[in-house]
Amino acid sequence: MQAAPEFPSSVLVIDDEPVVLDLFQRVLAGKGLVIRTARNGEEALALIAQEGFGCVLADKNLPGIDGIEIVRRIRQAQPHCACIVMTAYASTESAVEALRLGAVDYIEKPFDDLGRIADRIDDLVKQMKGQFEGRARLRLVESGSAADDPGEATPEDGAGTAIEVLQGRVEHATSDLRRRSLHLLSRLVASKLAGREVLLSGELLRDEVRRLAEAGAPDVSELKQIEEKLERHLALVRHAQNR
């Protein structure tokens, strides 16, 4: 029986900002991962055509071919590859579209915790490797059973059929789970983005009140009360954002 094919565990980072590429180059190298970088979609697709990847991080707003299209194409060419979309301009629609096409995560710039992101990427590569090697071993077992006795049905053939039925059930359950997860993630992204907008508008109002107070506007004490209410409001929003 042939050995199972080797999983391509290298990571491709696609971003038009050299500082982002350098950042991920350093932090992911610390995880022992092999890193490749591309500055645009065209460079990325050329690399994808030449070699396999365990994980791809693509900036959504790339010049030319954008990150969403990169996800769509790599999911077709390399379905074992985990895809993550990065953006400084998040929207519910683009997040849901990326997840629908097969992205496993959607992260915003600037990065709050690069160490956590690096851990996430390392975990995804290991997870996809396990799935890839499991499917490869199953294919080898099935092909080996067929080669042993290509004639009449045997207990091995029955076992192969049972495996196929089980694999079909697993794939159906996985598809259903992904559909449910996509629905929950879309709701989460929407609530996060809404909370962020409330937070930013609250901060702008608070700063405006402070400017009025410093300028000696009338009813300073009333402005102070408004400022305190805004601070409490912002504290609640920050708490919700961090949950």
C-alpha atoms as a PDB file:
ATOM      1  CA  MET A   1       0.000   0.000   0.000  1.00  0.00           C
ATOM      2  CA  GLN A   2       1.301   3.458  -0.908  1.00  0.00           C
ATOM      3  CA  ALA A   3       2.115   6.009   1.770  1.00  0.00           C
ATOM      4  CA  ALA A   4      -0.415   8.799   2.306  1.00  0.00           C
ATOM      5  CA  PRO A   5       0.506  12.030   0.475  1.00  0.00           C
ATOM      6  CA  GLU A   6       2.200  14.719   2.532  1.00  0.00           C
ATOM      7  CA  PHE A   7       0.186  17.718   3.649  1.00  0.00           C
ATOM      8  CA  PRO A   8       1.491  21.136   2.448  1.00  0.00           C
ATOM      9  CA  SER A   9       1.839  22.930   5.777  1.00  0.00           C
ATOM     10  CA  SER A  10       3.321  26.227   4.527  1.00  0.00           C
ATOM     11  CA  VAL A  11       1.413  29.512   4.959  1.00  0.00           C
ATOM     12  CA  LEU A  12       0.816  32.151   2.278  1.00  0.00           C
ATOM     13  CA  VAL A  13       0.273  35.762   3.416  1.00  0.00           C
ATOM     14  CA  ILE A  14      -1.113  38.199   0.814  1.00  0.00           C
ATOM     15  CA  ASP A  15      -1.063  41.929   1.547  1.00  0.00           C
ATOM     16  CA  ASP A  16      -0.008  45.072  -0.326  1.00  0.00           C
ATOM     17  CA  GLU A  17       1.547  46.527   2.849  1.00  0.00           C
ATOM     18  CA  PRO A  18       5.172  45.349   3.311  1.00  0.00           C
ATOM     19  CA  VAL A  19       4.968  45.981   7.067  1.00  0.00           C
ATOM     20  CA  VAL A  20       2.119  43.430   7.374  1.00  0.00           C
ATOM     21  CA  LEU A  21       4.061  40.831   5.388  1.00  0.00           C
ATOM     22  CA  ASP A  22       7.146  41.384   7.531  1.00  0.00           C
ATOM     23  CA  LEU A  23       5.074  41.175  10.702  1.00  0.00           C
ATOM     24  CA  PHE A  24       3.572  37.805   9.829  1.00  0.00           C
ATOM     25  CA  GLN A  25       6.900  36.568   8.468  1.00  0.00           C
ATOM     26  CA  ARG A  26       8.464  37.056  11.889  1.00  0.00           C
ATOM     27  CA  VAL A  27       5.628  35.938  14.140  1.00  0.00           C
ATOM     28  CA  LEU A  28       4.757  32.792  12.134  1.00  0.00           C
ATOM     29  CA  ALA A  29       8.379  31.779  11.724  1.00  0.00           C
ATOM     30  CA  GLY A  30       8.444  31.600  15.510  1.00  0.00           C
ATOM     31  CA  LYS A  31       5.836  28.827  15.218  1.00  0.00           C
ATOM     32  CA  GLY A  32       8.130  26.834  12.945  1.00  0.00           C
ATOM     33  CA  LEU A  33       5.922  27.454   9.904  1.00  0.00           C
ATOM     34  CA  VAL A  34       7.232  27.979   6.370  1.00  0.00           C
ATOM     35  CA  ILE A  35       6.019  31.370   5.124  1.00  0.00           C
ATOM     36  CA  ARG A  36       5.504  32.640   1.585  1.00  0.00           C
ATOM     37  CA  THR A  37       4.340  36.184   0.813  1.00  0.00           C
ATOM     38  CA  ALA A  38       2.644  37.964  -2.078  1.00  0.00           C
ATOM     39  CA  ARG A  39       1.888  41.669  -2.574  1.00  0.00           C
ATOM     40  CA  ASN A  40      -1.174  41.253  -4.804  1.00  0.00           C
ATOM     41  CA  GLY A  41      -3.651  38.717  -6.111  1.00  0.00           C
ATOM     42  CA  GLU A  42      -1.709  37.983  -9.289  1.00  0.00           C
ATOM     43  CA  GLU A  43       1.446  37.040  -7.362  1.00  0.00           C
ATOM     44  CA  ALA A  44      -0.639  34.948  -4.993  1.00  0.00           C
ATOM     45  CA  LEU A  45      -2.373  32.981  -7.762  1.00  0.00           C
ATOM     46  CA  ALA A  46       0.993  32.259  -9.401  1.00  0.00           C
ATOM     47  CA  LEU A  47       2.269  30.779  -6.124  1.00  0.00           C
ATOM     48  CA  ILE A  48      -0.957  28.826  -5.589  1.00  0.00           C
ATOM     49  CA  ALA A  49      -0.586  27.291  -9.053  1.00  0.00           C
ATOM     50  CA  GLN A  50       2.977  26.189  -8.239  1.00  0.00           C
ATOM     51  CA  GLU A  51       2.644  24.799  -4.714  1.00  0.00           C
ATOM     52  CA  GLY A  52       0.201  23.785  -2.020  1.00  0.00           C
ATOM     53  CA  PHE A  53      -0.564  25.649   1.208  1.00  0.00           C
ATOM     54  CA  GLY A  54      -2.031  24.677   4.540  1.00  0.00           C
ATOM     55  CA  CYS A  55      -3.303  28.190   5.252  1.00  0.00           C
ATOM     56  CA  VAL A  56      -3.744  31.439   3.317  1.00  0.00           C
ATOM     57  CA  LEU A  57      -4.219  34.906   4.847  1.00  0.00           C
ATOM     58  CA  ALA A  58      -5.532  37.345   2.256  1.00  0.00           C
ATOM     59  CA  ASP A  59      -6.193  41.064   2.636  1.00  0.00           C
ATOM     60  CA  LYS A  60      -9.705  41.763   1.378  1.00  0.00           C
ATOM     61  CA  ASN A  61      -8.873  45.074  -0.348  1.00  0.00           C
ATOM     62  CA  LEU A  62      -5.991  43.988  -2.561  1.00  0.00           C
ATOM     63  CA  PRO A  63      -5.315  45.936  -5.764  1.00  0.00           C
ATOM     64  CA  GLY A  64      -6.694  44.048  -8.760  1.00  0.00           C
ATOM     65  CA  ILE A  65      -7.901  40.613  -7.657  1.00  0.00           C
ATOM     66  CA  ASP A  66      -9.271  41.062  -4.150  1.00  0.00           C
ATOM     67  CA  GLY A  67      -9.046  38.738  -1.159  1.00  0.00           C
ATOM     68  CA  ILE A  68     -12.604  37.410  -1.538  1.00  0.00           C
ATOM     69  CA  GLU A  69     -11.800  36.208  -5.064  1.00  0.00           C
ATOM     70  CA  ILE A  70      -8.547  34.665  -3.805  1.00  0.00           C
ATOM     71  CA  VAL A  71     -10.556  32.645  -1.262  1.00  0.00           C
ATOM     72  CA  ARG A  72     -12.953  31.461  -3.965  1.00  0.00           C
ATOM     73  CA  ARG A  73     -10.151  30.321  -6.260  1.00  0.00           C
ATOM     74  CA  ILE A  74      -7.979  28.608  -3.664  1.00  0.00           C
ATOM     75  CA  ARG A  75     -10.972  26.739  -2.245  1.00  0.00           C
ATOM     76  CA  GLN A  76     -11.479  25.332  -5.747  1.00  0.00           C
ATOM     77  CA  ALA A  77      -7.806  24.524  -6.363  1.00  0.00           C
ATOM     78  CA  GLN A  78      -6.817  23.450  -2.833  1.00  0.00           C
ATOM     79  CA  PRO A  79      -9.899  22.505  -0.771  1.00  0.00           C
ATOM     80  CA  HIS A  80      -7.669  21.362   2.111  1.00  0.00           C
ATOM     81  CA  CYS A  81      -6.337  24.918   2.604  1.00  0.00           C
ATOM     82  CA  ALA A  82      -7.677  27.036   5.501  1.00  0.00           C
ATOM     83  CA  CYS A  83      -8.432  30.619   4.405  1.00  0.00           C
ATOM     84  CA  ILE A  84      -8.472  33.767   6.557  1.00  0.00           C
ATOM     85  CA  VAL A  85      -9.570  37.194   5.274  1.00  0.00           C
ATOM     86  CA  MET A  86      -8.011  40.380   6.718  1.00  0.00           C
ATOM     87  CA  THR A  87      -9.373  43.918   6.346  1.00  0.00           C
ATOM     88  CA  ALA A  88      -9.247  47.378   7.846  1.00  0.00           C
ATOM     89  CA  TYR A  89     -12.743  48.117   6.484  1.00  0.00           C
ATOM     90  CA  ALA A  90     -15.023  45.406   7.835  1.00  0.00           C
ATOM     91  CA  SER A  91     -18.602  44.996   6.695  1.00  0.00           C
ATOM     92  CA  THR A  92     -21.229  42.383   7.423  1.00  0.00           C
ATOM     93  CA  GLU A  93     -21.734  41.622   3.725  1.00  0.00           C
ATOM     94  CA  SER A  94     -18.061  40.962   2.957  1.00  0.00           C
ATOM     95  CA  ALA A  95     -17.610  38.903   6.125  1.00  0.00           C
ATOM     96  CA  VAL A  96     -20.568  36.668   5.290  1.00  0.00           C
ATOM     97  CA  GLU A  97     -19.417  36.348   1.663  1.00  0.00           C
ATOM     98  CA  ALA A  98     -15.918  35.280   2.747  1.00  0.00           C
ATOM     99  CA  LEU A  99     -17.344  32.700   5.163  1.00  0.00           C
ATOM    100  CA  ARG A 100     -19.817  31.439   2.563  1.00  0.00           C
ATOM    101  CA  LEU A 101     -16.985  30.830   0.086  1.00  0.00           C
ATOM    102  CA  GLY A 102     -15.104  28.739   2.632  1.00  0.00           C
ATOM    103  CA  ALA A 103     -13.003  31.135   4.717  1.00  0.00           C
ATOM    104  CA  VAL A 104     -12.632  29.883   8.285  1.00  0.00           C
ATOM    105  CA  ASP A 105     -12.047  33.294   9.872  1.00  0.00           C
ATOM    106  CA  TYR A 106     -12.310  37.057   9.287  1.00  0.00           C
ATOM    107  CA  ILE A 107     -10.002  39.396  11.214  1.00  0.00           C
ATOM    108  CA  GLU A 108      -9.833  43.183  11.414  1.00  0.00           C
ATOM    109  CA  LYS A 109      -6.835  45.503  11.189  1.00  0.00           C
ATOM    110  CA  PRO A 110      -5.111  46.792  13.186  1.00  0.00           C
ATOM    111  CA  PHE A 111      -4.532  43.426  14.853  1.00  0.00           C
ATOM    112  CA  ASP A 112      -5.435  43.472  18.540  1.00  0.00           C
ATOM    113  CA  ASP A 113      -3.474  40.340  19.509  1.00  0.00           C
ATOM    114  CA  LEU A 114      -1.013  39.076  16.925  1.00  0.00           C
ATOM    115  CA  GLY A 115       0.104  36.244  19.208  1.00  0.00           C
ATOM    116  CA  ARG A 116      -3.453  34.897  19.393  1.00  0.00           C
ATOM    117  CA  ILE A 117      -3.762  35.125  15.596  1.00  0.00           C
ATOM    118  CA  ALA A 118      -0.492  33.208  15.189  1.00  0.00           C
ATOM    119  CA  ASP A 119      -1.789  30.503  17.557  1.00  0.00           C
ATOM    120  CA  ARG A 120      -5.008  30.339  15.551  1.00  0.00           C
ATOM    121  CA  ILE A 121      -3.089  29.865  12.287  1.00  0.00           C
ATOM    122  CA  ASP A 122      -0.871  27.167  13.824  1.00  0.00           C
ATOM    123  CA  ASP A 123      -3.950  25.327  15.133  1.00  0.00           C
ATOM    124  CA  LEU A 124      -5.691  25.574  11.747  1.00  0.00           C
ATOM    125  CA  VAL A 125      -2.685  24.125   9.909  1.00  0.00           C
ATOM    126  CA  LYS A 126      -2.576  21.188  12.333  1.00  0.00           C
ATOM    127  CA  GLN A 127      -6.337  20.678  12.076  1.00  0.00           C
ATOM    128  CA  MET A 128      -6.346  20.730   8.266  1.00  0.00           C
ATOM    129  CA  LYS A 129      -3.331  18.378   8.223  1.00  0.00           C
ATOM    130  CA  GLY A 130      -5.234  15.856  10.358  1.00  0.00           C
ATOM    131  CA  GLN A 131      -8.279  16.020   8.056  1.00  0.00           C
ATOM    132  CA  PHE A 132      -6.128  15.801   4.912  1.00  0.00           C
ATOM    133  CA  GLU A 133      -4.155  12.778   6.101  1.00  0.00           C
ATOM    134  CA  GLY A 134      -7.313  11.048   7.378  1.00  0.00           C
ATOM    135  CA  ARG A 135      -9.010  11.371   3.988  1.00  0.00           C
ATOM    136  CA  ALA A 136      -5.831  10.239   2.219  1.00  0.00           C
ATOM    137  CA  ARG A 137      -5.580   7.083   4.380  1.00  0.00           C
ATOM    138  CA  LEU A 138      -9.251   6.310   3.755  1.00  0.00           C
ATOM    139  CA  ARG A 139      -8.740   6.574  -0.011  1.00  0.00           C
ATOM    140  CA  LEU A 140      -5.727   4.244   0.190  1.00  0.00           C
ATOM    141  CA  VAL A 141      -7.674   1.686   2.224  1.00  0.00           C
ATOM    142  CA  GLU A 142     -10.569   1.773  -0.226  1.00  0.00           C
ATOM    143  CA  SER A 143      -8.312   1.481  -3.284  1.00  0.00           C
ATOM    144  CA  GLY A 144      -6.367  -1.342  -1.621  1.00  0.00           C
ATOM    145  CA  SER A 145      -9.574  -3.293  -0.904  1.00  0.00           C
ATOM    146  CA  ALA A 146     -10.720  -2.920  -4.505  1.00  0.00           C
ATOM    147  CA  ALA A 147      -7.327  -4.050  -5.854  1.00  0.00           C
ATOM    148  CA  ASP A 148      -7.260  -7.168  -3.642  1.00  0.00           C
ATOM    149  CA  ASP A 149     -10.449  -8.631  -5.168  1.00  0.00           C
ATOM    150  CA  PRO A 150     -11.969  -6.809  -8.111  1.00  0.00           C
ATOM    151  CA  GLY A 151     -14.405  -9.698  -8.780  1.00  0.00           C
ATOM    152  CA  GLU A 152     -17.468 -10.679  -6.793  1.00  0.00           C
ATOM    153  CA  ALA A 153     -18.579  -8.905  -3.650  1.00  0.00           C
ATOM    154  CA  THR A 154     -16.716  -9.969  -0.517  1.00  0.00           C
ATOM    155  CA  PRO A 155     -16.802  -8.943   3.164  1.00  0.00           C
ATOM    156  CA  GLU A 156     -14.119  -6.402   2.255  1.00  0.00           C
ATOM    157  CA  ASP A 157     -16.431  -4.905  -0.352  1.00  0.00           C
ATOM    158  CA  GLY A 158     -19.170  -4.679   2.278  1.00  0.00           C
ATOM    159  CA  ALA A 159     -16.748  -2.944   4.624  1.00  0.00           C
ATOM    160  CA  GLY A 160     -15.851  -0.534   1.845  1.00  0.00           C
ATOM    161  CA  THR A 161     -19.521   0.211   1.262  1.00  0.00           C
ATOM    162  CA  ALA A 162     -20.047   0.763   4.975  1.00  0.00           C
ATOM    163  CA  ILE A 163     -17.121   3.182   5.016  1.00  0.00           C
ATOM    164  CA  GLU A 164     -18.590   5.091   2.070  1.00  0.00           C
ATOM    165  CA  VAL A 165     -21.977   5.325   3.825  1.00  0.00           C
ATOM    166  CA  LEU A 166     -20.291   6.534   7.000  1.00  0.00           C
ATOM    167  CA  GLN A 167     -18.202   9.029   5.057  1.00  0.00           C
ATOM    168  CA  GLY A 168     -21.367  10.319   3.360  1.00  0.00           C
ATOM    169  CA  ARG A 169     -23.060  10.793   6.716  1.00  0.00           C
ATOM    170  CA  VAL A 170     -20.022  12.604   8.100  1.00  0.00           C
ATOM    171  CA  GLU A 171     -19.888  14.906   5.082  1.00  0.00           C
ATOM    172  CA  HIS A 172     -23.625  15.648   5.395  1.00  0.00           C
ATOM    173  CA  ALA A 173     -23.264  16.397   9.117  1.00  0.00           C
ATOM    174  CA  THR A 174     -20.227  18.578   8.415  1.00  0.00           C
ATOM    175  CA  SER A 175     -22.130  20.514   5.743  1.00  0.00           C
ATOM    176  CA  ASP A 176     -25.063  21.056   8.112  1.00  0.00           C
ATOM    177  CA  LEU A 177     -22.722  22.153  10.904  1.00  0.00           C
ATOM    178  CA  ARG A 178     -20.984  24.597   8.572  1.00  0.00           C
ATOM    179  CA  ARG A 179     -24.341  26.060   7.512  1.00  0.00           C
ATOM    180  CA  ARG A 180     -25.341  26.562  11.138  1.00  0.00           C
ATOM    181  CA  SER A 181     -21.914  28.005  12.002  1.00  0.00           C
ATOM    182  CA  LEU A 182     -22.113  30.432   9.079  1.00  0.00           C
ATOM    183  CA  HIS A 183     -25.476  31.679  10.318  1.00  0.00           C
ATOM    184  CA  LEU A 184     -24.141  32.215  13.844  1.00  0.00           C
ATOM    185  CA  LEU A 185     -20.943  33.846  12.603  1.00  0.00           C
ATOM    186  CA  SER A 186     -22.860  36.238  10.363  1.00  0.00           C
ATOM    187  CA  ARG A 187     -24.966  37.305  13.353  1.00  0.00           C
ATOM    188  CA  LEU A 188     -21.845  37.696  15.474  1.00  0.00           C
ATOM    189  CA  VAL A 189     -20.073  39.798  12.824  1.00  0.00           C
ATOM    190  CA  ALA A 190     -23.144  41.988  12.437  1.00  0.00           C
ATOM    191  CA  SER A 191     -23.423  42.581  16.185  1.00  0.00           C
ATOM    192  CA  LYS A 192     -19.688  43.273  16.509  1.00  0.00           C
ATOM    193  CA  LEU A 193     -19.743  45.808  13.683  1.00  0.00           C
ATOM    194  CA  ALA A 194     -22.847  47.486  15.055  1.00  0.00           C
ATOM    195  CA  GLY A 195     -21.262  47.699  18.483  1.00  0.00           C
ATOM    196  CA  ARG A 196     -18.123  49.185  16.968  1.00  0.00           C
ATOM    197  CA  GLU A 197     -20.150  51.894  15.210  1.00  0.00           C
ATOM    198  CA  VAL A 198     -21.937  52.734  18.477  1.00  0.00           C
ATOM    199  CA  LEU A 199     -18.584  52.889  20.243  1.00  0.00           C
ATOM    200  CA  LEU A 200     -17.079  55.262  17.675  1.00  0.00           C
ATOM    201  CA  SER A 201     -20.134  57.546  17.645  1.00  0.00           C
ATOM    202  CA  GLY A 202     -20.162  57.617  21.457  1.00  0.00           C
ATOM    203  CA  GLU A 203     -16.497  58.583  21.548  1.00  0.00           C
ATOM    204  CA  LEU A 204     -17.077  61.392  19.052  1.00  0.00           C
ATOM    205  CA  LEU A 205     -19.960  62.773  21.134  1.00  0.00           C
ATOM    206  CA  ARG A 206     -17.898  62.599  24.309  1.00  0.00           C
ATOM    207  CA  ASP A 207     -15.004  64.472  22.673  1.00  0.00           C
ATOM    208  CA  GLU A 208     -17.387  67.146  21.393  1.00  0.00           C
ATOM    209  CA  VAL A 209     -18.820  67.664  24.894  1.00  0.00           C
ATOM    210  CA  ARG A 210     -15.296  68.003  26.293  1.00  0.00           C
ATOM    211  CA  ARG A 211     -14.406  70.618  23.672  1.00  0.00           C
ATOM    212  CA  LEU A 212     -17.519  72.637  24.549  1.00  0.00           C
ATOM    213  CA  ALA A 213     -16.713  72.462  28.245  1.00  0.00           C
ATOM    214  CA  GLU A 214     -13.101  73.552  27.703  1.00  0.00           C
ATOM    215  CA  ALA A 215     -14.308  76.456  25.526  1.00  0.00           C
ATOM    216  CA  GLY A 216     -16.339  77.763  28.479  1.00  0.00           C
ATOM    217  CA  ALA A 217     -19.763  76.994  27.039  1.00  0.00           C
ATOM    218  CA  PRO A 218     -22.769  77.775  29.291  1.00  0.00           C
ATOM    219  CA  ASP A 219     -24.168  75.102  31.626  1.00  0.00           C
ATOM    220  CA  VAL A 220     -20.817  73.402  32.094  1.00  0.00           C
ATOM    221  CA  SER A 221     -22.224  71.297  34.933  1.00  0.00           C
ATOM    222  CA  GLU A 222     -24.920  69.944  32.616  1.00  0.00           C
ATOM    223  CA  LEU A 223     -22.298  69.127  29.998  1.00  0.00           C
ATOM    224  CA  LYS A 224     -20.344  67.304  32.673  1.00  0.00           C
ATOM    225  CA  GLN A 225     -23.355  65.141  33.470  1.00  0.00           C
ATOM    226  CA  ILE A 226     -23.762  64.311  29.779  1.00  0.00           C
ATOM    227  CA  GLU A 227     -20.094  63.386  29.581  1.00  0.00           C
ATOM    228  CA  GLU A 228     -20.436  61.049  32.572  1.00  0.00           C
ATOM    229  CA  LYS A 229     -23.441  59.340  30.985  1.00  0.00           C
ATOM    230  CA  LEU A 230     -21.500  58.882  27.761  1.00  0.00           C
ATOM    231  CA  GLU A 231     -18.592  57.362  29.668  1.00  0.00           C
ATOM    232  CA  ARG A 232     -20.939  54.807  31.246  1.00  0.00           C
ATOM    233  CA  HIS A 233     -22.441  54.097  27.828  1.00  0.00           C
ATOM    234  CA  LEU A 234     -18.991  53.580  26.264  1.00  0.00           C
ATOM    235  CA  ALA A 235     -17.941  51.292  29.112  1.00  0.00           C
ATOM    236  CA  LEU A 236     -20.944  49.053  28.427  1.00  0.00           C
ATOM    237  CA  VAL A 237     -20.188  48.962  24.699  1.00  0.00           C
ATOM    238  CA  ARG A 238     -16.509  48.101  25.297  1.00  0.00           C
ATOM    239  CA  HIS A 239     -17.578  45.307  27.626  1.00  0.00           C
ATOM    240  CA  ALA A 240     -19.926  43.914  24.946  1.00  0.00           C
ATOM    241  CA  GLN A 241     -17.201  44.180  22.277  1.00  0.00           C
ATOM    242  CA  ASN A 242     -14.739  42.188  24.384  1.00  0.00           C
ATOM    243  CA  ARG A 243     -17.107  39.323  25.114  1.00  0.00           C
END
